[in-house]
Amino acid sequence: MKKTIAILCLVSLLSILVFSGCAEADPLEEALEKYTSVVEGEMPEDIRLTIYFIPFSNLTRAPVSKESLIESPNRKITVRAEELAAHWEQFRELKPSALQLAAEKEQYIDARLCYILEVGDGAGNYEIILDVLKSYIHGNAFVNGVEVEHTELLFDLIRPFMTEKDWDKWMMN
């Protein structure tokens, strides 16, 4: 009887050690899986980038949701494949290892910038592979739904597609 109990305890202890050693999946790896697979290959012919923004200096009556930002009559810039081609290598720099999960979480979203990279199937259907949202409060960003610390890399990707005037307006606090 004592031997059976000892064996059960040993098996339980080993199970705990084995399963606690299993690492959880990295949320950034999962969030950027499709994006990474696309940017590591040749640039797709049917790809587009859409940038939506409201200057930080614009006062609003309430926090702006992502949906409101996209639907609002504020600035929208659409970038086609031909324009993206010159900067495709820069998109390869965005990897999960280049991002850090946010230490301090946003209490609510006040969306000021959103950009969406989509790949088409040639028949007019598009799949979102990158969705970046910049909030006003702590300065965190959301990359495919995962909250990350601010990094200039996220904004270096879209900088070439914004006019100097738009960039200055958006950056003004």
C-alpha atoms as a PDB file:
ATOM      1  CA  MET A   1       0.000   0.000   0.000  1.00  0.00           C
ATOM      2  CA  LYS A   2       2.794   2.431   0.932  1.00  0.00           C
ATOM      3  CA  LYS A   3       4.583   1.529  -2.272  1.00  0.00           C
ATOM      4  CA  THR A   4       1.469   2.317  -4.361  1.00  0.00           C
ATOM      5  CA  ILE A   5       1.015   5.680  -2.645  1.00  0.00           C
ATOM      6  CA  ALA A   6       4.689   6.494  -3.171  1.00  0.00           C
ATOM      7  CA  ILE A   7       4.434   5.619  -6.872  1.00  0.00           C
ATOM      8  CA  LEU A   8       1.277   7.744  -7.283  1.00  0.00           C
ATOM      9  CA  CYS A   9       2.984  10.674  -5.558  1.00  0.00           C
ATOM     10  CA  LEU A  10       6.045  10.283  -7.769  1.00  0.00           C
ATOM     11  CA  VAL A  11       3.932  10.098 -10.949  1.00  0.00           C
ATOM     12  CA  SER A  12       1.927  13.144  -9.843  1.00  0.00           C
ATOM     13  CA  LEU A  13       5.086  15.092  -9.077  1.00  0.00           C
ATOM     14  CA  LEU A  14       6.633  14.196 -12.430  1.00  0.00           C
ATOM     15  CA  SER A  15       3.426  15.167 -14.239  1.00  0.00           C
ATOM     16  CA  ILE A  16       3.376  18.543 -12.517  1.00  0.00           C
ATOM     17  CA  LEU A  17       7.016  19.169 -13.375  1.00  0.00           C
ATOM     18  CA  VAL A  18       6.587  18.156 -17.010  1.00  0.00           C
ATOM     19  CA  PHE A  19       3.412  20.147 -17.617  1.00  0.00           C
ATOM     20  CA  SER A  20       4.526  23.239 -15.739  1.00  0.00           C
ATOM     21  CA  GLY A  21       7.655  23.277 -17.893  1.00  0.00           C
ATOM     22  CA  CYS A  22       5.573  23.488 -21.053  1.00  0.00           C
ATOM     23  CA  ALA A  23       5.712  27.065 -22.259  1.00  0.00           C
ATOM     24  CA  GLU A  24       2.539  28.797 -23.313  1.00  0.00           C
ATOM     25  CA  ALA A  25       2.332  29.944 -26.901  1.00  0.00           C
ATOM     26  CA  ASP A  26       3.668  33.450 -27.458  1.00  0.00           C
ATOM     27  CA  PRO A  27       0.647  35.689 -28.154  1.00  0.00           C
ATOM     28  CA  LEU A  28       2.693  37.824 -30.560  1.00  0.00           C
ATOM     29  CA  GLU A  29       3.857  34.776 -32.521  1.00  0.00           C
ATOM     30  CA  GLU A  30       0.245  33.663 -32.864  1.00  0.00           C
ATOM     31  CA  ALA A  31      -1.046  37.152 -33.712  1.00  0.00           C
ATOM     32  CA  LEU A  32       1.553  37.694 -36.431  1.00  0.00           C
ATOM     33  CA  GLU A  33       1.641  34.165 -37.863  1.00  0.00           C
ATOM     34  CA  LYS A  34      -0.223  34.970 -41.097  1.00  0.00           C
ATOM     35  CA  TYR A  35       1.562  38.320 -41.515  1.00  0.00           C
ATOM     36  CA  THR A  36       4.985  36.705 -41.055  1.00  0.00           C
ATOM     37  CA  SER A  37       4.236  33.979 -43.591  1.00  0.00           C
ATOM     38  CA  VAL A  38       3.227  36.612 -46.171  1.00  0.00           C
ATOM     39  CA  VAL A  39       6.130  39.063 -45.685  1.00  0.00           C
ATOM     40  CA  GLU A  40       8.773  36.329 -45.689  1.00  0.00           C
ATOM     41  CA  GLY A  41       7.835  35.459 -49.266  1.00  0.00           C
ATOM     42  CA  GLU A  42       7.514  37.492 -52.424  1.00  0.00           C
ATOM     43  CA  MET A  43       5.255  40.500 -52.123  1.00  0.00           C
ATOM     44  CA  PRO A  44       1.736  39.550 -53.251  1.00  0.00           C
ATOM     45  CA  GLU A  45       0.450  41.361 -56.317  1.00  0.00           C
ATOM     46  CA  ASP A  46      -2.927  42.027 -54.723  1.00  0.00           C
ATOM     47  CA  ILE A  47      -2.062  43.780 -51.476  1.00  0.00           C
ATOM     48  CA  ARG A  48      -3.117  47.095 -50.008  1.00  0.00           C
ATOM     49  CA  LEU A  49      -2.443  49.220 -46.969  1.00  0.00           C
ATOM     50  CA  THR A  50      -5.068  51.579 -45.577  1.00  0.00           C
ATOM     51  CA  ILE A  51      -4.159  54.217 -42.998  1.00  0.00           C
ATOM     52  CA  TYR A  52      -6.800  56.021 -40.935  1.00  0.00           C
ATOM     53  CA  PHE A  53      -5.902  58.772 -38.493  1.00  0.00           C
ATOM     54  CA  ILE A  54      -7.036  61.702 -36.409  1.00  0.00           C
ATOM     55  CA  PRO A  55      -4.374  64.149 -35.210  1.00  0.00           C
ATOM     56  CA  PHE A  56      -3.618  63.798 -31.505  1.00  0.00           C
ATOM     57  CA  SER A  57      -4.347  67.497 -31.114  1.00  0.00           C
ATOM     58  CA  ASN A  58      -7.987  67.040 -32.201  1.00  0.00           C
ATOM     59  CA  LEU A  59     -10.232  67.102 -29.165  1.00  0.00           C
ATOM     60  CA  THR A  60     -13.162  64.714 -29.134  1.00  0.00           C
ATOM     61  CA  ARG A  61     -16.187  64.569 -26.845  1.00  0.00           C
ATOM     62  CA  ALA A  62     -15.573  60.922 -26.041  1.00  0.00           C
ATOM     63  CA  PRO A  63     -12.852  58.366 -26.660  1.00  0.00           C
ATOM     64  CA  VAL A  64     -12.739  57.295 -30.297  1.00  0.00           C
ATOM     65  CA  SER A  65     -13.294  53.604 -31.045  1.00  0.00           C
ATOM     66  CA  LYS A  66     -11.510  51.854 -33.875  1.00  0.00           C
ATOM     67  CA  GLU A  67     -14.802  51.564 -35.743  1.00  0.00           C
ATOM     68  CA  SER A  68     -15.498  55.295 -35.360  1.00  0.00           C
ATOM     69  CA  LEU A  69     -12.013  56.140 -36.565  1.00  0.00           C
ATOM     70  CA  ILE A  70     -12.459  54.031 -39.693  1.00  0.00           C
ATOM     71  CA  GLU A  71     -15.958  55.340 -40.410  1.00  0.00           C
ATOM     72  CA  SER A  72     -15.201  58.992 -39.637  1.00  0.00           C
ATOM     73  CA  PRO A  73     -14.570  61.608 -42.320  1.00  0.00           C
ATOM     74  CA  ASN A  74     -11.034  62.162 -41.034  1.00  0.00           C
ATOM     75  CA  ARG A  75      -7.883  61.274 -42.952  1.00  0.00           C
ATOM     76  CA  LYS A  76      -7.715  58.051 -44.930  1.00  0.00           C
ATOM     77  CA  ILE A  77      -4.775  57.035 -47.084  1.00  0.00           C
ATOM     78  CA  THR A  78      -4.900  54.001 -49.362  1.00  0.00           C
ATOM     79  CA  VAL A  79      -1.604  52.548 -50.556  1.00  0.00           C
ATOM     80  CA  ARG A  80      -1.584  50.092 -53.470  1.00  0.00           C
ATOM     81  CA  ALA A  81       0.890  47.305 -54.226  1.00  0.00           C
ATOM     82  CA  GLU A  82       2.959  49.428 -56.598  1.00  0.00           C
ATOM     83  CA  GLU A  83       3.724  51.941 -53.839  1.00  0.00           C
ATOM     84  CA  LEU A  84       4.274  49.222 -51.217  1.00  0.00           C
ATOM     85  CA  ALA A  85       6.843  47.449 -53.402  1.00  0.00           C
ATOM     86  CA  ALA A  86       9.526  50.079 -52.751  1.00  0.00           C
ATOM     87  CA  HIS A  87       9.177  49.565 -48.985  1.00  0.00           C
ATOM     88  CA  TRP A  88       8.480  45.826 -48.796  1.00  0.00           C
ATOM     89  CA  GLU A  89      11.810  45.050 -47.089  1.00  0.00           C
ATOM     90  CA  GLN A  90      10.859  47.401 -44.273  1.00  0.00           C
ATOM     91  CA  PHE A  91       7.729  45.324 -43.582  1.00  0.00           C
ATOM     92  CA  ARG A  92       9.978  42.287 -43.057  1.00  0.00           C
ATOM     93  CA  GLU A  93      11.541  44.045 -40.060  1.00  0.00           C
ATOM     94  CA  LEU A  94       8.297  43.719 -38.102  1.00  0.00           C
ATOM     95  CA  LYS A  95       8.636  40.410 -36.263  1.00  0.00           C
ATOM     96  CA  PRO A  96       7.224  39.213 -32.961  1.00  0.00           C
ATOM     97  CA  SER A  97      10.713  39.517 -31.451  1.00  0.00           C
ATOM     98  CA  ALA A  98      10.736  43.251 -32.304  1.00  0.00           C
ATOM     99  CA  LEU A  99       7.665  43.860 -30.126  1.00  0.00           C
ATOM    100  CA  GLN A 100       7.155  43.747 -26.383  1.00  0.00           C
ATOM    101  CA  LEU A 101       3.885  43.011 -24.638  1.00  0.00           C
ATOM    102  CA  ALA A 102       2.519  46.083 -22.859  1.00  0.00           C
ATOM    103  CA  ALA A 103       3.372  46.263 -19.169  1.00  0.00           C
ATOM    104  CA  GLU A 104       0.618  48.756 -18.425  1.00  0.00           C
ATOM    105  CA  LYS A 105      -2.698  48.033 -20.101  1.00  0.00           C
ATOM    106  CA  GLU A 106      -4.931  50.689 -21.624  1.00  0.00           C
ATOM    107  CA  GLN A 107      -8.021  51.370 -19.491  1.00  0.00           C
ATOM    108  CA  TYR A 108      -9.956  52.245 -22.618  1.00  0.00           C
ATOM    109  CA  ILE A 109      -9.177  52.901 -26.265  1.00  0.00           C
ATOM    110  CA  ASP A 110      -8.975  56.373 -27.734  1.00  0.00           C
ATOM    111  CA  ALA A 111      -8.018  55.445 -31.293  1.00  0.00           C
ATOM    112  CA  ARG A 112      -5.949  58.004 -33.159  1.00  0.00           C
ATOM    113  CA  LEU A 113      -4.304  55.881 -35.824  1.00  0.00           C
ATOM    114  CA  CYS A 114      -5.124  52.562 -37.412  1.00  0.00           C
ATOM    115  CA  TYR A 115      -3.523  50.889 -40.368  1.00  0.00           C
ATOM    116  CA  ILE A 116      -4.576  47.687 -42.014  1.00  0.00           C
ATOM    117  CA  LEU A 117      -2.545  45.581 -44.428  1.00  0.00           C
ATOM    118  CA  GLU A 118      -4.685  43.244 -46.517  1.00  0.00           C
ATOM    119  CA  VAL A 119      -3.904  40.539 -49.052  1.00  0.00           C
ATOM    120  CA  GLY A 120      -6.362  39.879 -51.867  1.00  0.00           C
ATOM    121  CA  ASP A 121      -7.174  36.670 -53.661  1.00  0.00           C
ATOM    122  CA  GLY A 122      -7.477  38.364 -57.061  1.00  0.00           C
ATOM    123  CA  ALA A 123     -11.266  38.126 -56.962  1.00  0.00           C
ATOM    124  CA  GLY A 124     -11.850  41.206 -54.833  1.00  0.00           C
ATOM    125  CA  ASN A 125     -11.804  39.403 -51.489  1.00  0.00           C
ATOM    126  CA  TYR A 126      -9.268  40.634 -48.923  1.00  0.00           C
ATOM    127  CA  GLU A 127      -7.870  39.093 -45.754  1.00  0.00           C
ATOM    128  CA  ILE A 128      -6.411  41.273 -43.025  1.00  0.00           C
ATOM    129  CA  ILE A 129      -2.894  40.173 -42.141  1.00  0.00           C
ATOM    130  CA  LEU A 130      -1.834  43.200 -40.103  1.00  0.00           C
ATOM    131  CA  ASP A 131      -4.055  45.487 -38.049  1.00  0.00           C
ATOM    132  CA  VAL A 132      -2.259  48.135 -35.977  1.00  0.00           C
ATOM    133  CA  LEU A 133      -4.154  50.505 -33.704  1.00  0.00           C
ATOM    134  CA  LYS A 134      -2.513  53.367 -31.796  1.00  0.00           C
ATOM    135  CA  SER A 135      -4.267  54.649 -28.706  1.00  0.00           C
ATOM    136  CA  TYR A 136      -3.907  58.073 -27.157  1.00  0.00           C
ATOM    137  CA  ILE A 137      -3.819  57.235 -23.454  1.00  0.00           C
ATOM    138  CA  HIS A 138      -0.570  55.408 -22.570  1.00  0.00           C
ATOM    139  CA  GLY A 139       0.775  55.357 -26.080  1.00  0.00           C
ATOM    140  CA  ASN A 140       0.460  51.598 -26.372  1.00  0.00           C
ATOM    141  CA  ALA A 141      -0.423  50.029 -29.686  1.00  0.00           C
ATOM    142  CA  PHE A 142      -2.487  46.991 -30.572  1.00  0.00           C
ATOM    143  CA  VAL A 143      -1.026  44.658 -33.181  1.00  0.00           C
ATOM    144  CA  ASN A 144      -3.590  42.189 -34.475  1.00  0.00           C
ATOM    145  CA  GLY A 145      -5.415  42.602 -31.173  1.00  0.00           C
ATOM    146  CA  VAL A 146      -2.393  42.141 -28.884  1.00  0.00           C
ATOM    147  CA  GLU A 147      -1.435  45.167 -26.769  1.00  0.00           C
ATOM    148  CA  VAL A 148       2.237  46.076 -27.131  1.00  0.00           C
ATOM    149  CA  GLU A 149       4.592  48.787 -25.905  1.00  0.00           C
ATOM    150  CA  HIS A 150       5.189  51.748 -28.195  1.00  0.00           C
ATOM    151  CA  THR A 151       7.927  51.166 -30.765  1.00  0.00           C
ATOM    152  CA  GLU A 152       8.903  53.449 -33.616  1.00  0.00           C
ATOM    153  CA  LEU A 153       9.088  50.438 -35.945  1.00  0.00           C
ATOM    154  CA  LEU A 154       5.286  50.301 -36.102  1.00  0.00           C
ATOM    155  CA  PHE A 155       5.204  53.867 -37.383  1.00  0.00           C
ATOM    156  CA  ASP A 156       8.285  53.678 -39.586  1.00  0.00           C
ATOM    157  CA  LEU A 157       6.265  51.257 -41.737  1.00  0.00           C
ATOM    158  CA  ILE A 158       3.677  53.885 -42.643  1.00  0.00           C
ATOM    159  CA  ARG A 159       5.820  57.017 -42.573  1.00  0.00           C
ATOM    160  CA  PRO A 160       6.752  56.838 -46.297  1.00  0.00           C
ATOM    161  CA  PHE A 161       3.070  56.924 -47.266  1.00  0.00           C
ATOM    162  CA  MET A 162       2.051  60.014 -45.307  1.00  0.00           C
ATOM    163  CA  THR A 163       2.749  63.549 -46.439  1.00  0.00           C
ATOM    164  CA  GLU A 164       4.941  65.688 -44.218  1.00  0.00           C
ATOM    165  CA  LYS A 165       1.886  67.762 -43.325  1.00  0.00           C
ATOM    166  CA  ASP A 166      -0.191  64.697 -42.362  1.00  0.00           C
ATOM    167  CA  TRP A 167       2.684  63.203 -40.352  1.00  0.00           C
ATOM    168  CA  ASP A 168       3.217  66.464 -38.453  1.00  0.00           C
ATOM    169  CA  LYS A 169      -0.521  66.819 -37.790  1.00  0.00           C
ATOM    170  CA  TRP A 170      -0.809  63.271 -36.524  1.00  0.00           C
ATOM    171  CA  MET A 171       2.273  63.517 -34.302  1.00  0.00           C
ATOM    172  CA  MET A 172       1.350  66.854 -32.698  1.00  0.00           C
ATOM    173  CA  ASN A 173       0.249  66.423 -29.091  1.00  0.00           C
END
